[in-house]
């Protein structure tokens, strides 16, 4: 099967979140970015969903890198969602943990994320 669309979730590694915390934050990033895509680009969201929801999880070291990626996504007209933790468990309230990017066309996502290492 060929995929036209994908989503990338980028995790901050400097926070040293537990595996469970990381999994939950990645889920928040995926769902929130999908909802944004569904609102602004419903055809992209539907196509991604029908293709099997291809997603990749990658990592960065700092909050600054998350915001740089958000700016790249904005400039490339790719939906994204930055996730800030509620602070109920491991992190202080408002800590930026992940960014979900897309779903969008693979080539648009790759312009933003292709150089990031896998989580």
PDB file of N, CA and C in Angstrom:
ATOM      1  N   UNK A   1       0.846  -1.190   0.000  1.00  0.00           N
ATOM      2  CA  UNK A   1       0.000   0.000   0.000  1.00  0.00           C
ATOM      3  C   UNK A   1       0.888   1.248   0.000  1.00  0.00           C
ATOM      4  N   UNK A   2       0.473   2.221  -0.754  1.00  0.00           N
ATOM      5  CA  UNK A   2       1.185   3.506  -0.746  1.00  0.00           C
ATOM      6  C   UNK A   2       0.444   4.489   0.141  1.00  0.00           C
ATOM      7  N   UNK A   3       1.220   5.312   0.785  1.00  0.00           N
ATOM      8  CA  UNK A   3       0.657   6.332   1.665  1.00  0.00           C
ATOM      9  C   UNK A   3       0.935   7.704   1.073  1.00  0.00           C
ATOM     10  N   UNK A   4      -0.100   8.512   0.953  1.00  0.00           N
ATOM     11  CA  UNK A   4       0.057   9.896   0.520  1.00  0.00           C
ATOM     12  C   UNK A   4       0.194  10.835   1.714  1.00  0.00           C
ATOM     13  N   UNK A   5      -0.372  10.415   2.846  1.00  0.00           N
ATOM     14  CA  UNK A   5      -0.453  11.275   4.021  1.00  0.00           C
ATOM     15  C   UNK A   5       0.190  10.606   5.223  1.00  0.00           C
ATOM     16  N   UNK A   6       0.726  11.443   6.106  1.00  0.00           N
ATOM     17  CA  UNK A   6       1.238  10.923   7.374  1.00  0.00           C
ATOM     18  C   UNK A   6       1.188  12.022   8.420  1.00  0.00           C
ATOM     19  N   UNK A   7       1.420  11.605   9.631  1.00  0.00           N
ATOM     20  CA  UNK A   7       1.456  12.501  10.779  1.00  0.00           C
ATOM     21  C   UNK A   7       2.752  12.216  11.518  1.00  0.00           C
ATOM     22  N   UNK A   8       3.338  13.259  12.093  1.00  0.00           N
ATOM     23  CA  UNK A   8       4.541  13.100  12.897  1.00  0.00           C
ATOM     24  C   UNK A   8       4.270  13.690  14.275  1.00  0.00           C
ATOM     25  N   UNK A   9       4.675  12.964  15.296  1.00  0.00           N
ATOM     26  CA  UNK A   9       4.575  13.466  16.663  1.00  0.00           C
ATOM     27  C   UNK A   9       6.005  13.585  17.180  1.00  0.00           C
ATOM     28  N   UNK A  10       6.340  14.782  17.651  1.00  0.00           N
ATOM     29  CA  UNK A  10       7.694  15.099  18.081  1.00  0.00           C
ATOM     30  C   UNK A  10       7.708  15.229  19.603  1.00  0.00           C
ATOM     31  N   UNK A  11       8.581  14.482  20.251  1.00  0.00           N
ATOM     32  CA  UNK A  11       8.654  14.410  21.709  1.00  0.00           C
ATOM     33  C   UNK A  11       9.933  15.074  22.207  1.00  0.00           C
ATOM     34  N   UNK A  12       9.805  15.865  23.258  1.00  0.00           N
ATOM     35  CA  UNK A  12      10.972  16.435  23.940  1.00  0.00           C
ATOM     36  C   UNK A  12      11.626  15.370  24.814  1.00  0.00           C
ATOM     37  N   UNK A  13      12.916  15.163  24.631  1.00  0.00           N
ATOM     38  CA  UNK A  13      13.606  14.158  25.444  1.00  0.00           C
ATOM     39  C   UNK A  13      14.268  14.747  26.688  1.00  0.00           C
ATOM     40  N   UNK A  14      14.406  16.076  26.730  1.00  0.00           N
ATOM     41  CA  UNK A  14      15.044  16.689  27.903  1.00  0.00           C
ATOM     42  C   UNK A  14      14.191  16.580  29.156  1.00  0.00           C
ATOM     43  N   UNK A  15      12.909  16.285  29.002  1.00  0.00           N
ATOM     44  CA  UNK A  15      12.011  16.194  30.159  1.00  0.00           C
ATOM     45  C   UNK A  15      12.136  14.869  30.896  1.00  0.00           C
ATOM     46  N   UNK A  16      12.702  13.868  30.222  1.00  0.00           N
ATOM     47  CA  UNK A  16      12.879  12.545  30.828  1.00  0.00           C
ATOM     48  C   UNK A  16      11.562  11.985  31.382  1.00  0.00           C
ATOM     49  N   UNK A  17      10.500  12.082  30.573  1.00  0.00           N
ATOM     50  CA  UNK A  17       9.192  11.558  30.972  1.00  0.00           C
ATOM     51  C   UNK A  17       9.238  10.029  31.034  1.00  0.00           C
ATOM     52  N   UNK A  18       8.424   9.454  31.897  1.00  0.00           N
ATOM     53  CA  UNK A  18       8.313   7.999  31.948  1.00  0.00           C
ATOM     54  C   UNK A  18       7.703   7.510  30.628  1.00  0.00           C
ATOM     55  N   UNK A  19       7.807   6.207  30.372  1.00  0.00           N
ATOM     56  CA  UNK A  19       7.234   5.650  29.141  1.00  0.00           C
ATOM     57  C   UNK A  19       5.737   5.887  29.070  1.00  0.00           C
ATOM     58  N   UNK A  20       5.057   5.711  30.190  1.00  0.00           N
ATOM     59  CA  UNK A  20       3.613   5.928  30.210  1.00  0.00           C
ATOM     60  C   UNK A  20       3.241   7.374  29.936  1.00  0.00           C
ATOM     61  N   UNK A  21       3.955   8.290  30.570  1.00  0.00           N
ATOM     62  CA  UNK A  21       3.710   9.719  30.375  1.00  0.00           C
ATOM     63  C   UNK A  21       3.966  10.093  28.919  1.00  0.00           C
ATOM     64  N   UNK A  22       5.053   9.581  28.361  1.00  0.00           N
ATOM     65  CA  UNK A  22       5.378   9.851  26.961  1.00  0.00           C
ATOM     66  C   UNK A  22       4.271   9.345  26.044  1.00  0.00           C
ATOM     67  N   UNK A  23       3.790   8.128  26.303  1.00  0.00           N
ATOM     68  CA  UNK A  23       2.730   7.548  25.472  1.00  0.00           C
ATOM     69  C   UNK A  23       1.478   8.417  25.494  1.00  0.00           C
ATOM     70  N   UNK A  24       1.111   8.899  26.663  1.00  0.00           N
ATOM     71  CA  UNK A  24      -0.085   9.731  26.793  1.00  0.00           C
ATOM     72  C   UNK A  24       0.103  11.070  26.074  1.00  0.00           C
ATOM     73  N   UNK A  25       1.272  11.665  26.203  1.00  0.00           N
ATOM     74  CA  UNK A  25       1.525  12.939  25.540  1.00  0.00           C
ATOM     75  C   UNK A  25       1.523  12.775  24.019  1.00  0.00           C
ATOM     76  N   UNK A  26       2.086  11.679  23.525  1.00  0.00           N
ATOM     77  CA  UNK A  26       2.060  11.385  22.091  1.00  0.00           C
ATOM     78  C   UNK A  26       0.614  11.229  21.624  1.00  0.00           C
ATOM     79  N   UNK A  27      -0.203  10.547  22.415  1.00  0.00           N
ATOM     80  CA  UNK A  27      -1.625  10.396  22.054  1.00  0.00           C
ATOM     81  C   UNK A  27      -2.312  11.753  21.994  1.00  0.00           C
ATOM     82  N   UNK A  28      -2.054  12.602  22.967  1.00  0.00           N
ATOM     83  CA  UNK A  28      -2.627  13.958  22.944  1.00  0.00           C
ATOM     84  C   UNK A  28      -2.213  14.695  21.674  1.00  0.00           C
ATOM     85  N   UNK A  29      -0.936  14.610  21.328  1.00  0.00           N
ATOM     86  CA  UNK A  29      -0.434  15.297  20.144  1.00  0.00           C
ATOM     87  C   UNK A  29      -1.069  14.789  18.866  1.00  0.00           C
ATOM     88  N   UNK A  30      -1.216  13.478  18.765  1.00  0.00           N
ATOM     89  CA  UNK A  30      -1.812  12.882  17.573  1.00  0.00           C
ATOM     90  C   UNK A  30      -3.270  13.285  17.418  1.00  0.00           C
ATOM     91  N   UNK A  31      -4.033  13.107  18.474  1.00  0.00           N
ATOM     92  CA  UNK A  31      -5.462  13.420  18.413  1.00  0.00           C
ATOM     93  C   UNK A  31      -5.697  14.919  18.183  1.00  0.00           C
ATOM     94  N   UNK A  32      -4.990  15.755  18.909  1.00  0.00           N
ATOM     95  CA  UNK A  32      -5.206  17.204  18.793  1.00  0.00           C
ATOM     96  C   UNK A  32      -4.855  17.720  17.403  1.00  0.00           C
ATOM     97  N   UNK A  33      -3.763  17.220  16.836  1.00  0.00           N
ATOM     98  CA  UNK A  33      -3.376  17.651  15.502  1.00  0.00           C
ATOM     99  C   UNK A  33      -4.355  17.120  14.452  1.00  0.00           C
ATOM    100  N   UNK A  34      -4.830  15.896  14.642  1.00  0.00           N
ATOM    101  CA  UNK A  34      -5.848  15.339  13.743  1.00  0.00           C
ATOM    102  C   UNK A  34      -7.123  16.190  13.767  1.00  0.00           C
ATOM    103  N   UNK A  35      -7.572  16.575  14.953  1.00  0.00           N
ATOM    104  CA  UNK A  35      -8.799  17.380  15.079  1.00  0.00           C
ATOM    105  C   UNK A  35      -8.626  18.716  14.348  1.00  0.00           C
ATOM    106  N   UNK A  36      -7.464  19.318  14.484  1.00  0.00           N
ATOM    107  CA  UNK A  36      -7.195  20.577  13.785  1.00  0.00           C
ATOM    108  C   UNK A  36      -7.208  20.367  12.269  1.00  0.00           C
ATOM    109  N   UNK A  37      -6.594  19.275  11.827  1.00  0.00           N
ATOM    110  CA  UNK A  37      -6.593  18.969  10.393  1.00  0.00           C
ATOM    111  C   UNK A  37      -8.009  18.730   9.901  1.00  0.00           C
ATOM    112  N   UNK A  38      -8.786  17.987  10.665  1.00  0.00           N
ATOM    113  CA  UNK A  38     -10.173  17.689  10.290  1.00  0.00           C
ATOM    114  C   UNK A  38     -10.976  18.979  10.116  1.00  0.00           C
ATOM    115  N   UNK A  39     -10.689  19.970  10.945  1.00  0.00           N
ATOM    116  CA  UNK A  39     -11.408  21.238  10.879  1.00  0.00           C
ATOM    117  C   UNK A  39     -11.026  22.046   9.637  1.00  0.00           C
ATOM    118  N   UNK A  40      -9.722  22.139   9.347  1.00  0.00           N
ATOM    119  CA  UNK A  40      -9.249  23.017   8.277  1.00  0.00           C
ATOM    120  C   UNK A  40      -9.019  22.317   6.939  1.00  0.00           C
ATOM    121  N   UNK A  41      -8.700  21.029   6.987  1.00  0.00           N
ATOM    122  CA  UNK A  41      -8.425  20.252   5.773  1.00  0.00           C
ATOM    123  C   UNK A  41      -9.117  18.891   5.874  1.00  0.00           C
ATOM    124  N   UNK A  42     -10.437  18.872   5.867  1.00  0.00           N
ATOM    125  CA  UNK A  42     -11.150  17.606   6.083  1.00  0.00           C
ATOM    126  C   UNK A  42     -10.792  16.515   5.074  1.00  0.00           C
ATOM    127  N   UNK A  43     -10.487  16.882   3.840  1.00  0.00           N
ATOM    128  CA  UNK A  43     -10.109  15.870   2.850  1.00  0.00           C
ATOM    129  C   UNK A  43      -8.804  15.183   3.234  1.00  0.00           C
ATOM    130  N   UNK A  44      -7.826  15.967   3.735  1.00  0.00           N
ATOM    131  CA  UNK A  44      -6.560  15.382   4.182  1.00  0.00           C
ATOM    132  C   UNK A  44      -6.803  14.424   5.331  1.00  0.00           C
ATOM    133  N   UNK A  45      -7.595  14.861   6.304  1.00  0.00           N
ATOM    134  CA  UNK A  45      -7.864  14.031   7.487  1.00  0.00           C
ATOM    135  C   UNK A  45      -8.548  12.727   7.091  1.00  0.00           C
ATOM    136  N   UNK A  46      -9.522  12.827   6.219  1.00  0.00           N
ATOM    137  CA  UNK A  46     -10.258  11.628   5.787  1.00  0.00           C
ATOM    138  C   UNK A  46      -9.366  10.674   5.006  1.00  0.00           C
ATOM    139  N   UNK A  47      -8.545  11.208   4.125  1.00  0.00           N
ATOM    140  CA  UNK A  47      -7.644  10.363   3.325  1.00  0.00           C
ATOM    141  C   UNK A  47      -6.630   9.673   4.241  1.00  0.00           C
ATOM    142  N   UNK A  48      -6.026  10.425   5.162  1.00  0.00           N
ATOM    143  CA  UNK A  48      -5.076   9.842   6.112  1.00  0.00           C
ATOM    144  C   UNK A  48      -5.737   8.727   6.915  1.00  0.00           C
ATOM    145  N   UNK A  49      -6.947   8.988   7.378  1.00  0.00           N
ATOM    146  CA  UNK A  49      -7.664   7.992   8.174  1.00  0.00           C
ATOM    147  C   UNK A  49      -7.924   6.730   7.350  1.00  0.00           C
ATOM    148  N   UNK A  50      -8.352   6.903   6.103  1.00  0.00           N
ATOM    149  CA  UNK A  50      -8.670   5.748   5.256  1.00  0.00           C
ATOM    150  C   UNK A  50      -7.419   4.969   4.841  1.00  0.00           C
ATOM    151  N   UNK A  51      -6.255   5.624   4.837  1.00  0.00           N
ATOM    152  CA  UNK A  51      -4.999   4.953   4.497  1.00  0.00           C
ATOM    153  C   UNK A  51      -4.421   4.146   5.659  1.00  0.00           C
ATOM    154  N   UNK A  52      -4.968   4.288   6.832  1.00  0.00           N
ATOM    155  CA  UNK A  52      -4.469   3.534   7.978  1.00  0.00           C
ATOM    156  C   UNK A  52      -3.759   4.372   9.014  1.00  0.00           C
ATOM    157  N   UNK A  53      -3.810   5.710   8.864  1.00  0.00           N
ATOM    158  CA  UNK A  53      -3.302   6.640   9.876  1.00  0.00           C
ATOM    159  C   UNK A  53      -1.803   6.502  10.118  1.00  0.00           C
ATOM    160  N   UNK A  54      -1.012   6.525   9.050  1.00  0.00           N
ATOM    161  CA  UNK A  54       0.444   6.438   9.188  1.00  0.00           C
ATOM    162  C   UNK A  54       0.945   7.567  10.081  1.00  0.00           C
ATOM    163  N   UNK A  55       1.739   7.183  11.085  1.00  0.00           N
ATOM    164  CA  UNK A  55       2.334   8.180  11.974  1.00  0.00           C
ATOM    165  C   UNK A  55       3.715   7.735  12.395  1.00  0.00           C
ATOM    166  N   UNK A  56       4.553   8.717  12.669  1.00  0.00           N
ATOM    167  CA  UNK A  56       5.933   8.477  13.061  1.00  0.00           C
ATOM    168  C   UNK A  56       6.200   9.321  14.302  1.00  0.00           C
ATOM    169  N   UNK A  57       6.938   8.760  15.235  1.00  0.00           N
ATOM    170  CA  UNK A  57       7.301   9.502  16.439  1.00  0.00           C
ATOM    171  C   UNK A  57       8.803   9.750  16.403  1.00  0.00           C
ATOM    172  N   UNK A  58       9.160  11.023  16.543  1.00  0.00           N
ATOM    173  CA  UNK A  58      10.560  11.440  16.507  1.00  0.00           C
ATOM    174  C   UNK A  58      10.872  12.261  17.752  1.00  0.00           C
ATOM    175  N   UNK A  59      12.122  12.700  17.881  1.00  0.00           N
ATOM    176  CA  UNK A  59      12.496  13.390  19.113  1.00  0.00           C
ATOM    177  C   UNK A  59      13.303  14.656  18.846  1.00  0.00           C
ATOM    178  N   UNK A  60      13.179  15.565  19.796  1.00  0.00           N
ATOM    179  CA  UNK A  60      14.016  16.763  19.875  1.00  0.00           C
ATOM    180  C   UNK A  60      14.479  16.887  21.323  1.00  0.00           C
ATOM    181  N   UNK A  61      15.433  17.787  21.554  1.00  0.00           N
ATOM    182  CA  UNK A  61      15.991  17.915  22.901  1.00  0.00           C
ATOM    183  C   UNK A  61      15.408  19.065  23.700  1.00  0.00           C
ATOM    184  N   UNK A  62      14.770  20.042  23.033  1.00  0.00           N
ATOM    185  CA  UNK A  62      14.391  21.247  23.769  1.00  0.00           C
ATOM    186  C   UNK A  62      13.011  21.764  23.363  1.00  0.00           C
ATOM    187  N   UNK A  63      12.463  22.590  24.232  1.00  0.00           N
ATOM    188  CA  UNK A  63      11.205  23.270  23.937  1.00  0.00           C
ATOM    189  C   UNK A  63      11.374  24.220  22.751  1.00  0.00           C
ATOM    190  N   UNK A  64      12.517  24.856  22.669  1.00  0.00           N
ATOM    191  CA  UNK A  64      12.780  25.777  21.549  1.00  0.00           C
ATOM    192  C   UNK A  64      12.624  25.068  20.206  1.00  0.00           C
ATOM    193  N   UNK A  65      13.099  23.824  20.130  1.00  0.00           N
ATOM    194  CA  UNK A  65      12.973  23.063  18.884  1.00  0.00           C
ATOM    195  C   UNK A  65      11.505  22.789  18.540  1.00  0.00           C
ATOM    196  N   UNK A  66      10.684  22.558  19.547  1.00  0.00           N
ATOM    197  CA  UNK A  66       9.240  22.366  19.318  1.00  0.00           C
ATOM    198  C   UNK A  66       8.658  23.618  18.652  1.00  0.00           C
ATOM    199  N   UNK A  67       9.013  24.778  19.166  1.00  0.00           N
ATOM    200  CA  UNK A  67       8.473  26.029  18.623  1.00  0.00           C
ATOM    201  C   UNK A  67       9.034  26.338  17.231  1.00  0.00           C
ATOM    202  N   UNK A  68      10.265  25.946  16.979  1.00  0.00           N
ATOM    203  CA  UNK A  68      10.825  26.095  15.628  1.00  0.00           C
ATOM    204  C   UNK A  68      10.056  25.230  14.633  1.00  0.00           C
ATOM    205  N   UNK A  69       9.720  24.014  15.036  1.00  0.00           N
ATOM    206  CA  UNK A  69       8.937  23.129  14.173  1.00  0.00           C
ATOM    207  C   UNK A  69       7.535  23.689  13.932  1.00  0.00           C
ATOM    208  N   UNK A  70       6.951  24.275  14.963  1.00  0.00           N
ATOM    209  CA  UNK A  70       5.628  24.890  14.801  1.00  0.00           C
ATOM    210  C   UNK A  70       5.688  26.003  13.758  1.00  0.00           C
ATOM    211  N   UNK A  71       6.735  26.793  13.804  1.00  0.00           N
ATOM    212  CA  UNK A  71       6.890  27.877  12.829  1.00  0.00           C
ATOM    213  C   UNK A  71       7.076  27.324  11.413  1.00  0.00           C
ATOM    214  N   UNK A  72       7.861  26.270  11.277  1.00  0.00           N
ATOM    215  CA  UNK A  72       8.025  25.633   9.963  1.00  0.00           C
ATOM    216  C   UNK A  72       6.703  25.071   9.456  1.00  0.00           C
ATOM    217  N   UNK A  73       5.948  24.437  10.332  1.00  0.00           N
ATOM    218  CA  UNK A  73       4.642  23.903   9.943  1.00  0.00           C
ATOM    219  C   UNK A  73       3.719  25.036   9.498  1.00  0.00           C
ATOM    220  N   UNK A  74       3.705  26.106  10.266  1.00  0.00           N
ATOM    221  CA  UNK A  74       2.853  27.250   9.917  1.00  0.00           C
ATOM    222  C   UNK A  74       3.230  27.797   8.542  1.00  0.00           C
ATOM    223  N   UNK A  75       4.530  27.976   8.312  1.00  0.00           N
ATOM    224  CA  UNK A  75       5.001  28.517   7.023  1.00  0.00           C
ATOM    225  C   UNK A  75       4.686  27.598   5.853  1.00  0.00           C
ATOM    226  N   UNK A  76       4.615  26.292   6.111  1.00  0.00           N
ATOM    227  CA  UNK A  76       4.338  25.317   5.053  1.00  0.00           C
ATOM    228  C   UNK A  76       2.866  24.920   4.984  1.00  0.00           C
ATOM    229  N   UNK A  77       2.022  25.640   5.740  1.00  0.00           N
ATOM    230  CA  UNK A  77       0.581  25.410   5.721  1.00  0.00           C
ATOM    231  C   UNK A  77       0.214  23.975   6.118  1.00  0.00           C
ATOM    232  N   UNK A  78       0.865  23.513   7.191  1.00  0.00           N
ATOM    233  CA  UNK A  78       0.609  22.180   7.726  1.00  0.00           C
ATOM    234  C   UNK A  78       0.030  22.339   9.125  1.00  0.00           C
ATOM    235  N   UNK A  79      -1.121  21.734   9.393  1.00  0.00           N
ATOM    236  CA  UNK A  79      -1.707  21.837  10.736  1.00  0.00           C
ATOM    237  C   UNK A  79      -0.805  21.193  11.796  1.00  0.00           C
ATOM    238  N   UNK A  80      -0.856  21.761  12.984  1.00  0.00           N
ATOM    239  CA  UNK A  80      -0.057  21.226  14.090  1.00  0.00           C
ATOM    240  C   UNK A  80      -0.753  21.556  15.403  1.00  0.00           C
ATOM    241  N   UNK A  81      -0.345  20.835  16.436  1.00  0.00           N
ATOM    242  CA  UNK A  81      -0.861  21.104  17.780  1.00  0.00           C
ATOM    243  C   UNK A  81       0.276  20.930  18.778  1.00  0.00           C
ATOM    244  N   UNK A  82       0.535  21.991  19.523  1.00  0.00           N
ATOM    245  CA  UNK A  82       1.515  21.926  20.611  1.00  0.00           C
ATOM    246  C   UNK A  82       0.779  21.503  21.871  1.00  0.00           C
ATOM    247  N   UNK A  83       1.333  20.545  22.579  1.00  0.00           N
ATOM    248  CA  UNK A  83       0.706  20.026  23.792  1.00  0.00           C
ATOM    249  C   UNK A  83       1.458  20.546  25.019  1.00  0.00           C
ATOM    250  N   UNK A  84       0.703  21.151  25.914  1.00  0.00           N
ATOM    251  CA  UNK A  84       1.225  21.629  27.196  1.00  0.00           C
ATOM    252  C   UNK A  84       0.563  20.813  28.301  1.00  0.00           C
ATOM    253  N   UNK A  85       1.369  20.219  29.138  1.00  0.00           N
ATOM    254  CA  UNK A  85       0.876  19.301  30.167  1.00  0.00           C
ATOM    255  C   UNK A  85       0.046  20.027  31.225  1.00  0.00           C
ATOM    256  N   UNK A  86      -0.948  19.332  31.736  1.00  0.00           N
ATOM    257  CA  UNK A  86      -1.823  19.882  32.778  1.00  0.00           C
ATOM    258  C   UNK A  86      -1.136  19.936  34.144  1.00  0.00           C
ATOM    259  N   UNK A  87      -0.067  19.178  34.311  1.00  0.00           N
ATOM    260  CA  UNK A  87       0.678  19.228  35.560  1.00  0.00           C
ATOM    261  C   UNK A  87       0.099  18.381  36.676  1.00  0.00           C
ATOM    262  N   UNK A  88      -0.637  17.343  36.329  1.00  0.00           N
ATOM    263  CA  UNK A  88      -1.268  16.520  37.361  1.00  0.00           C
ATOM    264  C   UNK A  88      -0.370  15.394  37.866  1.00  0.00           C
ATOM    265  N   UNK A  89       0.691  15.067  37.137  1.00  0.00           N
ATOM    266  CA  UNK A  89       1.523  13.930  37.560  1.00  0.00           C
ATOM    267  C   UNK A  89       3.003  14.301  37.625  1.00  0.00           C
ATOM    268  N   UNK A  90       3.724  14.151  36.519  1.00  0.00           N
ATOM    269  CA  UNK A  90       5.185  14.252  36.546  1.00  0.00           C
ATOM    270  C   UNK A  90       5.759  15.637  36.292  1.00  0.00           C
ATOM    271  N   UNK A  91       5.002  16.495  35.637  1.00  0.00           N
ATOM    272  CA  UNK A  91       5.557  17.770  35.150  1.00  0.00           C
ATOM    273  C   UNK A  91       4.820  18.967  35.716  1.00  0.00           C
ATOM    274  N   UNK A  92       5.478  20.104  35.775  1.00  0.00           N
ATOM    275  CA  UNK A  92       4.782  21.328  36.196  1.00  0.00           C
ATOM    276  C   UNK A  92       3.705  21.716  35.173  1.00  0.00           C
ATOM    277  N   UNK A  93       2.618  22.327  35.633  1.00  0.00           N
ATOM    278  CA  UNK A  93       1.565  22.757  34.701  1.00  0.00           C
ATOM    279  C   UNK A  93       2.114  23.659  33.602  1.00  0.00           C
ATOM    280  N   UNK A  94       1.653  23.415  32.385  1.00  0.00           N
ATOM    281  CA  UNK A  94       2.039  24.244  31.253  1.00  0.00           C
ATOM    282  C   UNK A  94       3.313  23.814  30.545  1.00  0.00           C
ATOM    283  N   UNK A  95       3.934  22.728  30.989  1.00  0.00           N
ATOM    284  CA  UNK A  95       5.162  22.263  30.340  1.00  0.00           C
ATOM    285  C   UNK A  95       4.842  21.774  28.928  1.00  0.00           C
ATOM    286  N   UNK A  96       5.548  22.316  27.939  1.00  0.00           N
ATOM    287  CA  UNK A  96       5.385  21.870  26.555  1.00  0.00           C
ATOM    288  C   UNK A  96       6.074  20.523  26.406  1.00  0.00           C
ATOM    289  N   UNK A  97       5.317  19.513  25.970  1.00  0.00           N
ATOM    290  CA  UNK A  97       5.848  18.148  25.908  1.00  0.00           C
ATOM    291  C   UNK A  97       6.044  17.625  24.487  1.00  0.00           C
ATOM    292  N   UNK A  98       5.077  17.870  23.616  1.00  0.00           N
ATOM    293  CA  UNK A  98       5.137  17.344  22.251  1.00  0.00           C
ATOM    294  C   UNK A  98       4.476  18.328  21.285  1.00  0.00           C
ATOM    295  N   UNK A  99       4.723  18.076  20.002  1.00  0.00           N
ATOM    296  CA  UNK A  99       3.973  18.732  18.942  1.00  0.00           C
ATOM    297  C   UNK A  99       3.532  17.643  17.965  1.00  0.00           C
ATOM    298  N   UNK A 100       2.257  17.657  17.637  1.00  0.00           N
ATOM    299  CA  UNK A 100       1.735  16.806  16.578  1.00  0.00           C
ATOM    300  C   UNK A 100       1.707  17.622  15.302  1.00  0.00           C
ATOM    301  N   UNK A 101       2.213  17.061  14.220  1.00  0.00           N
ATOM    302  CA  UNK A 101       2.268  17.763  12.939  1.00  0.00           C
ATOM    303  C   UNK A 101       1.529  16.927  11.907  1.00  0.00           C
ATOM    304  N   UNK A 102       0.504  17.532  11.302  1.00  0.00           N
ATOM    305  CA  UNK A 102      -0.326  16.831  10.329  1.00  0.00           C
ATOM    306  C   UNK A 102      -1.448  16.081  11.009  1.00  0.00           C
ATOM    307  N   UNK A 103      -2.121  15.256  10.247  1.00  0.00           N
ATOM    308  CA  UNK A 103      -1.724  14.669   8.982  1.00  0.00           C
ATOM    309  C   UNK A 103      -1.731  15.671   7.828  1.00  0.00           C
ATOM    310  N   UNK A 104      -0.786  15.416   6.940  1.00  0.00           N
ATOM    311  CA  UNK A 104      -0.648  16.203   5.724  1.00  0.00           C
ATOM    312  C   UNK A 104       0.038  15.323   4.695  1.00  0.00           C
ATOM    313  N   UNK A 105       0.183  15.848   3.502  1.00  0.00           N
ATOM    314  CA  UNK A 105       0.886  15.101   2.459  1.00  0.00           C
ATOM    315  C   UNK A 105       2.324  14.813   2.921  1.00  0.00           C
ATOM    316  N   UNK A 106       2.792  13.602   2.606  1.00  0.00           N
ATOM    317  CA  UNK A 106       4.126  13.186   3.051  1.00  0.00           C
ATOM    318  C   UNK A 106       5.203  14.188   2.697  1.00  0.00           C
ATOM    319  N   UNK A 107       5.171  14.704   1.466  1.00  0.00           N
ATOM    320  CA  UNK A 107       6.241  15.619   1.046  1.00  0.00           C
ATOM    321  C   UNK A 107       6.242  16.912   1.862  1.00  0.00           C
ATOM    322  N   UNK A 108       5.059  17.372   2.295  1.00  0.00           N
ATOM    323  CA  UNK A 108       4.983  18.579   3.134  1.00  0.00           C
ATOM    324  C   UNK A 108       5.548  18.291   4.531  1.00  0.00           C
ATOM    325  N   UNK A 109       5.190  17.141   5.080  1.00  0.00           N
ATOM    326  CA  UNK A 109       5.691  16.733   6.398  1.00  0.00           C
ATOM    327  C   UNK A 109       7.212  16.557   6.356  1.00  0.00           C
ATOM    328  N   UNK A 110       7.702  15.937   5.285  1.00  0.00           N
ATOM    329  CA  UNK A 110       9.137  15.671   5.184  1.00  0.00           C
ATOM    330  C   UNK A 110       9.953  16.960   5.123  1.00  0.00           C
ATOM    331  N   UNK A 111       9.407  18.024   4.550  1.00  0.00           N
ATOM    332  CA  UNK A 111      10.114  19.311   4.528  1.00  0.00           C
ATOM    333  C   UNK A 111      10.374  19.811   5.941  1.00  0.00           C
ATOM    334  N   UNK A 112       9.525  19.417   6.874  1.00  0.00           N
ATOM    335  CA  UNK A 112       9.603  19.905   8.240  1.00  0.00           C
ATOM    336  C   UNK A 112      10.382  18.946   9.142  1.00  0.00           C
ATOM    337  N   UNK A 113      10.188  17.641   8.952  1.00  0.00           N
ATOM    338  CA  UNK A 113      10.623  16.664   9.959  1.00  0.00           C
ATOM    339  C   UNK A 113      11.630  15.619   9.506  1.00  0.00           C
ATOM    340  N   UNK A 114      12.014  15.590   8.241  1.00  0.00           N
ATOM    341  CA  UNK A 114      12.815  14.460   7.734  1.00  0.00           C
ATOM    342  C   UNK A 114      14.185  14.327   8.405  1.00  0.00           C
ATOM    343  N   UNK A 115      14.688  15.388   9.016  1.00  0.00           N
ATOM    344  CA  UNK A 115      16.012  15.323   9.639  1.00  0.00           C
ATOM    345  C   UNK A 115      15.970  14.919  11.115  1.00  0.00           C
ATOM    346  N   UNK A 116      14.790  14.678  11.655  1.00  0.00           N
ATOM    347  CA  UNK A 116      14.678  14.373  13.087  1.00  0.00           C
ATOM    348  C   UNK A 116      14.846  12.875  13.341  1.00  0.00           C
ATOM    349  N   UNK A 117      15.577  12.503  14.407  1.00  0.00           N
ATOM    350  CA  UNK A 117      15.774  11.081  14.711  1.00  0.00           C
ATOM    351  C   UNK A 117      14.512  10.452  15.306  1.00  0.00           C
ATOM    352  N   UNK A 118      14.338   9.172  15.009  1.00  0.00           N
ATOM    353  CA  UNK A 118      13.212   8.419  15.573  1.00  0.00           C
ATOM    354  C   UNK A 118      13.319   8.340  17.080  1.00  0.00           C
ATOM    355  N   UNK A 119      12.147   8.345  17.724  1.00  0.00           N
ATOM    356  CA  UNK A 119      12.109   8.198  19.173  1.00  0.00           C
ATOM    357  C   UNK A 119      12.454   6.767  19.525  1.00  0.00           C
TER     358      UNK A 119
END
